[in-house]
Amino acid sequence: MGAKILVADDDSLVRLAIQKILLFFDHEVTAVESGRQVLECVNDEFDVIVLDINMPDMDGFETLERLNRQQVDIPVLFLTGAGSMDYAVKAIHLGAYDFLTKPIADIELFHVKVKQAVEKRHFLLQEKAYKKNLEREVEAKTRELAEKNLLLERYSEHLEQATVQIMSSLQAAMEEKDGYTAGHTRRVTELALLLGQAAGFSGDDITVLRRASQFHDIGKLVIDLSCIQKPGALSPEEWELIKKHPGVGASIIEPLTFMDRERDIIRHHHEKIDGTGYPDGIGGNELDTLTRIITIADSYDAMTSRRNYRKNLTSAEAVGELRRCGGTQFDPELVEIFAGVVLSACSLYKQ
């Protein structure tokens, strides 16, 4: 079966002649007498449009312009008896596929041009179908990738949670071996979160603060700290051993790429504002604000906890010590925020 062709010419004799030629070559023909009728009956089933240039009311050029605006991608063969160069240039500019002259003297040439236009139409349809299939495949792959990414995110989240839980359990078990440090991490975490929220932090910052607080002393898992249980002050050698735990803790956290910020906070939680802390001797703006928060919470809990070598301080006494060291060891602004929080809620913590 041939192609489906739409012919438009205001001359009935020309229409009939073209229709007979096309029918002879087994094409299906719809013939109309104006450009407006072309616009009314054109649809995606047609393979080629044969369009007369000189028609009343709406000529071939205007008809093609309207077809272009409607994004009709059917090849148009212009039919004219006046094959001037101006017509050819204008037709090409508008996107016409080719010219046919009338009267038609060479039927074979006429049919060759029609066949070429039909082939062009089939190519356009194949290209359109390919693009549509490609778009569908891309959409399907995008959905599949999004689903896999979601599963991966959930898996990563579960893995992170499991890792944090295991490490928390190990640290809690370690602390429970020593009656003087039991509950230290839990209390530091609660105090740090209270201070962080009072200082205006939320969202990801609070998550980082919680994790860093939970693991700030994790370095003690691999260091022999039995010396802290003895009565009396530590020797210089014992003190140097104690000072290694922030760096060791940061090394333990380092493989966990989702805790990069927590790692730095853990390493620096014994630094001081004036730069005299350890292990790196940094201070001032070099210290993350979350690090300053944990430093205050950790020191407060240490001062209010019982030790072999000293008596524990009351909440008021510990806050007084924090204030005394504000500007040298601690951030004075955060100390004042902490004082307001802890003194008003001191019943939650041991005196």
Protein backbone atom coordinates (compact mmCIF):
# COMPACT_ATOMS: atom_id res chain seq x y z
CA MET A 1 0.00 0.00 0.00
CA GLY A 2 1.27 3.47 -0.89
CA ALA A 3 1.40 6.60 1.21
CA LYS A 4 -1.40 8.85 2.38
CA ILE A 5 -1.11 12.21 0.62
CA LEU A 6 -2.95 15.51 1.11
CA VAL A 7 -3.23 17.64 -2.07
CA ALA A 8 -4.31 21.29 -2.05
CA ASP A 9 -4.94 23.25 -5.27
CA ASP A 10 -7.70 25.70 -6.11
CA ASP A 11 -7.77 24.46 -9.73
CA SER A 12 -10.08 21.46 -9.90
CA LEU A 13 -8.49 20.13 -13.10
CA VAL A 14 -5.02 20.18 -11.52
CA ARG A 15 -6.34 18.51 -8.39
CA LEU A 16 -7.95 15.76 -10.43
CA ALA A 17 -4.83 15.22 -12.56
CA ILE A 18 -2.54 14.94 -9.53
CA GLN A 19 -5.02 12.71 -7.77
CA LYS A 20 -5.14 10.28 -10.74
CA ILE A 21 -1.34 10.14 -10.97
CA LEU A 22 -0.98 9.41 -7.27
CA LEU A 23 -3.75 6.81 -7.33
CA PHE A 24 -1.97 5.15 -10.24
CA PHE A 25 1.03 4.64 -7.97
CA ASP A 26 -1.23 3.16 -5.26
CA HIS A 27 -1.23 6.17 -2.98
CA GLU A 28 -4.25 7.20 -0.94
CA VAL A 29 -5.20 10.78 -1.77
CA THR A 30 -7.26 13.47 -0.04
CA ALA A 31 -7.75 16.52 -2.27
CA VAL A 32 -8.85 19.98 -1.06
CA GLU A 33 -9.10 23.37 -2.76
CA SER A 34 -7.65 25.79 -0.16
CA GLY A 35 -5.05 26.30 2.50
CA ARG A 36 -7.71 26.60 5.17
CA GLN A 37 -9.05 23.17 4.28
CA VAL A 38 -5.51 21.80 4.63
CA LEU A 39 -5.37 23.13 8.19
CA GLU A 40 -8.80 21.70 8.94
CA CYS A 41 -8.15 18.15 7.76
CA VAL A 42 -4.41 17.63 8.29
CA ASN A 43 -3.48 15.01 10.89
CA ASP A 44 -0.58 12.73 11.75
CA GLU A 45 -1.79 10.00 9.38
CA PHE A 46 -0.68 11.92 6.28
CA ASP A 47 2.78 11.22 4.86
CA VAL A 48 3.11 14.12 2.40
CA ILE A 49 1.37 17.40 1.64
CA VAL A 50 1.33 18.68 -1.97
CA LEU A 51 0.59 22.38 -1.68
CA ASP A 52 -0.13 24.89 -4.43
CA ILE A 53 1.52 28.27 -3.88
CA ASN A 54 -0.99 30.52 -5.58
CA MET A 55 -4.34 30.01 -3.87
CA PRO A 56 -6.89 32.69 -2.95
CA ASP A 57 -7.60 33.63 0.68
CA MET A 58 -4.59 31.72 2.10
CA ASP A 59 -1.66 30.98 -0.25
CA GLY A 60 0.78 28.11 0.09
CA PHE A 61 3.36 30.14 2.01
CA GLU A 62 0.89 31.27 4.66
CA THR A 63 -0.46 27.74 4.92
CA LEU A 64 3.04 26.38 5.52
CA GLU A 65 3.71 29.05 8.15
CA ARG A 66 0.54 27.96 9.97
CA LEU A 67 1.57 24.30 9.69
CA ASN A 68 4.98 25.19 11.18
CA ARG A 69 3.33 26.99 14.10
CA GLN A 70 1.26 23.87 14.74
CA GLN A 71 4.52 21.84 14.64
CA VAL A 72 3.27 19.61 11.83
CA ASP A 73 6.32 17.61 10.72
CA ILE A 74 4.91 16.34 7.41
CA PRO A 75 7.10 17.06 4.33
CA VAL A 76 5.55 19.70 2.06
CA LEU A 77 6.02 19.68 -1.71
CA PHE A 78 5.21 23.05 -3.23
CA LEU A 79 3.26 22.98 -6.50
CA THR A 80 3.71 25.97 -8.77
CA GLY A 81 3.67 27.00 -12.36
CA ALA A 82 5.87 30.01 -11.68
CA GLY A 83 9.23 28.57 -10.68
CA SER A 84 10.90 31.85 -9.83
CA MET A 85 14.01 32.06 -7.61
CA ASP A 86 12.15 34.25 -5.09
CA TYR A 87 9.57 31.54 -4.58
CA ALA A 88 12.28 28.89 -4.16
CA VAL A 89 14.20 30.93 -1.54
CA LYS A 90 11.06 31.71 0.43
CA ALA A 91 9.89 28.07 0.29
CA ILE A 92 13.27 26.77 1.53
CA HIS A 93 13.31 29.38 4.29
CA LEU A 94 9.92 28.14 5.48
CA GLY A 95 11.08 24.54 5.46
CA ALA A 96 9.51 23.17 2.27
CA TYR A 97 10.90 19.77 1.27
CA ASP A 98 10.89 20.26 -2.55
CA PHE A 99 9.19 21.81 -5.58
CA LEU A 100 6.85 20.29 -8.15
CA THR A 101 6.06 22.18 -11.33
CA LYS A 102 2.77 22.18 -13.13
CA PRO A 103 1.70 21.11 -15.56
CA ILE A 104 3.38 17.80 -14.71
CA ALA A 105 5.42 16.78 -17.74
CA ASP A 106 7.55 14.02 -16.24
CA ILE A 107 5.37 11.64 -14.23
CA GLU A 108 8.32 9.46 -13.17
CA LEU A 109 10.22 12.45 -11.78
CA PHE A 110 7.04 13.60 -10.04
CA HIS A 111 6.69 10.18 -8.41
CA VAL A 112 10.37 10.04 -7.42
CA LYS A 113 10.00 13.33 -5.54
CA VAL A 114 6.84 12.10 -3.84
CA LYS A 115 8.60 8.85 -2.83
CA GLN A 116 11.54 10.81 -1.43
CA ALA A 117 9.16 12.96 0.59
CA VAL A 118 7.43 9.80 1.88
CA GLU A 119 10.81 8.37 2.90
CA LYS A 120 11.59 11.61 4.68
CA ARG A 121 8.30 11.34 6.56
CA HIS A 122 9.05 7.75 7.57
CA PHE A 123 12.48 8.83 8.79
CA LEU A 124 10.89 11.63 10.84
CA LEU A 125 8.40 9.18 12.36
CA GLN A 126 11.17 6.71 13.22
CA GLU A 127 13.23 9.49 14.75
CA LYS A 128 10.23 10.67 16.74
CA ALA A 129 9.49 7.13 17.95
CA TYR A 130 13.16 6.64 18.85
CA LYS A 131 13.23 9.86 20.86
CA LYS A 132 10.00 8.92 22.60
CA ASN A 133 11.31 5.46 23.45
CA LEU A 134 14.58 6.99 24.60
CA GLU A 135 12.71 9.44 26.82
CA ARG A 136 10.69 6.56 28.29
CA GLU A 137 13.87 4.57 28.89
CA VAL A 138 15.58 7.55 30.49
CA GLU A 139 12.54 8.16 32.71
CA ALA A 140 12.45 4.48 33.68
CA LYS A 141 16.19 4.42 34.39
CA THR A 142 15.89 7.66 36.35
CA ARG A 143 13.08 6.20 38.45
CA GLU A 144 15.07 3.00 38.94
CA LEU A 145 18.16 4.97 39.95
CA ALA A 146 16.12 7.13 42.32
CA GLU A 147 14.65 4.00 43.93
CA LYS A 148 18.12 2.46 44.28
CA ASN A 149 19.48 5.70 45.71
CA LEU A 150 16.65 5.76 48.21
CA LEU A 151 17.38 2.17 49.23
CA LEU A 152 21.08 3.01 49.47
CA GLU A 153 20.34 6.06 51.59
CA ARG A 154 18.15 3.96 53.88
CA TYR A 155 20.83 1.28 54.09
CA SER A 156 23.50 3.90 54.82
CA GLU A 157 21.27 5.46 57.46
CA HIS A 158 20.66 2.06 59.08
CA LEU A 159 24.40 1.32 58.91
CA GLU A 160 25.21 4.66 60.52
CA GLN A 161 22.66 4.06 63.26
CA ALA A 162 23.97 0.55 63.89
CA THR A 163 27.55 1.80 64.02
CA VAL A 164 26.67 4.56 66.45
CA GLN A 165 24.69 2.14 68.61
CA ILE A 166 27.51 -0.42 68.78
CA MET A 167 30.10 2.22 69.62
CA SER A 168 27.82 3.75 72.24
CA SER A 169 27.32 0.35 73.85
CA LEU A 170 31.08 -0.28 73.94
CA GLN A 171 31.74 3.09 75.50
CA ALA A 172 28.96 2.65 78.07
CA ALA A 173 30.37 -0.77 78.99
CA MET A 174 33.80 0.78 79.44
CA GLU A 175 32.46 3.51 81.70
CA GLU A 176 30.47 1.09 83.81
CA LYS A 177 33.71 -0.63 84.85
CA ASP A 178 34.61 2.50 86.80
CA GLY A 179 32.13 3.76 89.36
CA TYR A 180 33.62 7.24 89.06
CA THR A 181 32.99 7.55 85.30
CA ALA A 182 29.73 5.59 85.00
CA GLY A 183 27.13 7.68 83.19
CA HIS A 184 29.67 10.38 82.24
CA THR A 185 29.04 10.18 78.49
CA ARG A 186 25.26 10.18 78.93
CA ARG A 187 25.40 13.23 81.18
CA VAL A 188 27.82 15.12 78.94
CA THR A 189 25.57 14.40 75.94
CA GLU A 190 22.47 15.67 77.77
CA LEU A 191 24.26 18.80 79.00
CA ALA A 192 25.78 19.53 75.57
CA LEU A 193 22.40 19.20 73.87
CA LEU A 194 20.76 21.49 76.41
CA LEU A 195 23.47 24.10 75.84
CA GLY A 196 23.41 23.65 72.07
CA GLN A 197 19.65 24.15 71.88
CA ALA A 198 19.79 27.12 74.25
CA ALA A 199 22.50 28.63 72.00
CA GLY A 200 20.16 28.35 69.01
CA PHE A 201 21.49 25.25 67.25
CA SER A 202 19.17 22.76 65.54
CA GLY A 203 18.96 20.18 62.75
CA ASP A 204 22.27 18.76 61.52
CA ASP A 205 24.26 20.71 64.11
CA ILE A 206 22.37 18.99 66.93
CA THR A 207 22.95 15.59 65.30
CA VAL A 208 26.68 16.31 65.09
CA LEU A 209 26.71 17.60 68.66
CA ARG A 210 24.95 14.48 69.94
CA ARG A 211 27.33 12.10 68.18
CA ALA A 212 30.45 14.02 69.13
CA SER A 213 29.29 14.07 72.76
CA GLN A 214 28.56 10.35 72.72
CA PHE A 215 32.06 9.55 71.48
CA HIS A 216 34.18 12.35 72.91
CA ASP A 217 36.00 9.88 75.20
CA ILE A 218 36.02 6.86 72.89
CA GLY A 219 39.81 7.05 72.74
CA LYS A 220 39.86 5.77 76.30
CA LEU A 221 38.69 2.38 74.98
CA VAL A 222 42.21 1.55 73.77
CA ILE A 223 44.29 3.33 76.43
CA ASP A 224 45.09 1.83 79.84
CA LEU A 225 43.58 4.42 82.14
CA SER A 226 43.63 2.42 85.33
CA CYS A 227 45.79 5.18 86.76
CA ILE A 228 42.79 7.49 87.11
CA GLN A 229 41.35 5.14 89.74
CA LYS A 230 44.31 5.50 92.08
CA PRO A 231 44.18 8.00 94.95
CA GLY A 232 46.25 11.15 94.61
CA ALA A 233 47.46 13.21 91.67
CA LEU A 234 48.65 11.71 88.39
CA SER A 235 52.35 11.48 87.56
CA PRO A 236 53.69 13.37 84.50
CA GLU A 237 53.87 10.05 82.61
CA GLU A 238 50.30 9.17 83.55
CA TRP A 239 49.13 12.63 82.54
CA GLU A 240 50.82 12.31 79.13
CA LEU A 241 49.00 9.00 78.65
CA ILE A 242 45.66 10.60 79.51
CA LYS A 243 46.30 13.40 77.02
CA LYS A 244 46.50 10.90 74.17
CA HIS A 245 42.81 9.94 74.25
CA PRO A 246 41.43 12.81 72.08
CA GLY A 247 43.81 11.97 69.24
CA VAL A 248 43.20 8.24 69.60
CA GLY A 249 39.45 8.87 69.60
CA ALA A 250 39.69 10.92 66.39
CA SER A 251 41.66 8.06 64.78
CA ILE A 252 38.95 5.58 65.75
CA ILE A 253 36.28 7.81 64.15
CA GLU A 254 38.30 8.64 61.03
CA PRO A 255 37.15 5.66 58.88
CA LEU A 256 33.53 6.72 59.45
CA THR A 257 33.27 9.32 56.69
CA PHE A 258 29.78 10.35 57.79
CA MET A 259 31.33 11.66 61.02
CA ASP A 260 34.06 13.95 59.65
CA ARG A 261 32.97 16.95 61.70
CA GLU A 262 32.49 14.84 64.82
CA ARG A 263 36.04 13.52 64.42
CA ASP A 264 37.51 17.03 64.63
CA ILE A 265 35.34 17.90 67.62
CA ILE A 266 36.45 14.73 69.43
CA ARG A 267 40.09 15.56 68.73
CA HIS A 268 39.77 19.11 70.08
CA HIS A 269 37.44 18.71 73.07
CA HIS A 270 40.35 19.37 75.45
CA GLU A 271 41.60 22.47 73.64
CA LYS A 272 41.24 25.87 75.31
CA ILE A 273 40.16 29.27 74.08
CA ASP A 274 43.63 30.69 74.81
CA GLY A 275 45.39 27.91 72.84
CA THR A 276 47.00 26.16 75.83
CA GLY A 277 44.98 22.94 75.57
CA TYR A 278 45.86 19.64 73.87
CA PRO A 279 46.59 17.86 71.57
CA ASP A 280 47.09 20.61 68.93
CA GLY A 281 47.24 23.78 71.02
CA ILE A 282 44.65 25.62 68.93
CA GLY A 283 42.20 28.19 70.25
CA GLY A 284 39.94 31.15 69.49
CA ASN A 285 38.10 30.96 66.17
CA GLU A 286 39.99 27.77 65.28
CA LEU A 287 37.66 25.91 67.62
CA ASP A 288 34.28 24.85 66.30
CA THR A 289 31.47 26.27 68.43
CA LEU A 290 30.20 22.73 68.99
CA THR A 291 33.64 21.83 70.35
CA ARG A 292 33.39 24.73 72.81
CA ILE A 293 29.98 23.47 73.91
CA ILE A 294 31.25 19.94 74.61
CA THR A 295 34.28 21.33 76.44
CA ILE A 296 31.98 23.15 78.85
CA ALA A 297 29.65 20.18 79.34
CA ASP A 298 32.57 17.76 79.81
CA SER A 299 34.34 19.99 82.33
CA TYR A 300 31.16 20.67 84.28
CA ASP A 301 30.40 16.97 84.61
CA ALA A 302 33.99 16.22 85.61
CA MET A 303 33.87 18.91 88.33
CA THR A 304 30.55 17.72 89.72
CA SER A 305 31.54 14.03 89.68
CA ARG A 306 33.32 12.31 92.55
CA ARG A 307 36.99 11.37 92.06
CA ASN A 308 39.49 9.47 94.21
CA TYR A 309 41.76 12.46 94.54
CA ARG A 310 39.19 15.22 95.20
CA LYS A 311 35.71 16.10 96.37
CA ASN A 312 33.06 16.86 93.77
CA LEU A 313 31.77 20.42 93.40
CA THR A 314 28.16 21.56 93.62
CA SER A 315 26.45 22.91 90.51
CA ALA A 316 26.90 26.48 91.74
CA GLU A 317 30.57 25.90 92.53
CA ALA A 318 31.19 24.30 89.14
CA VAL A 319 29.47 27.17 87.32
CA GLY A 320 31.61 29.57 89.32
CA GLU A 321 34.73 27.74 88.15
CA LEU A 322 33.52 27.85 84.54
CA ARG A 323 33.00 31.60 84.84
CA ARG A 324 36.42 32.07 86.41
CA CYS A 325 38.02 30.32 83.45
CA GLY A 326 35.86 32.08 80.86
CA GLY A 327 38.02 33.70 78.21
CA THR A 328 41.01 31.44 78.89
CA GLN A 329 39.71 27.87 78.90
CA PHE A 330 36.06 28.35 77.98
CA ASP A 331 33.96 30.55 75.69
CA PRO A 332 32.55 33.14 78.14
CA GLU A 333 29.32 33.72 76.19
CA LEU A 334 28.54 30.01 76.10
CA VAL A 335 29.42 29.74 79.80
CA GLU A 336 26.74 32.31 80.62
CA ILE A 337 24.16 30.50 78.50
CA PHE A 338 25.14 27.24 80.18
CA ALA A 339 24.90 28.81 83.64
CA GLY A 340 21.34 29.89 82.92
CA VAL A 341 20.43 26.41 81.70
CA VAL A 342 22.14 24.31 84.36
CA LEU A 343 21.30 26.42 87.39
CA SER A 344 17.63 26.46 86.47
CA ALA A 345 17.59 22.72 85.85
CA CYS A 346 20.20 21.57 88.33
CA SER A 347 17.77 19.11 89.85
CA LEU A 348 18.25 17.00 86.72
CA TYR A 349 21.90 16.50 87.52
CA LYS A 350 23.78 15.52 90.62
CA GLN A 351 24.75 18.27 93.02
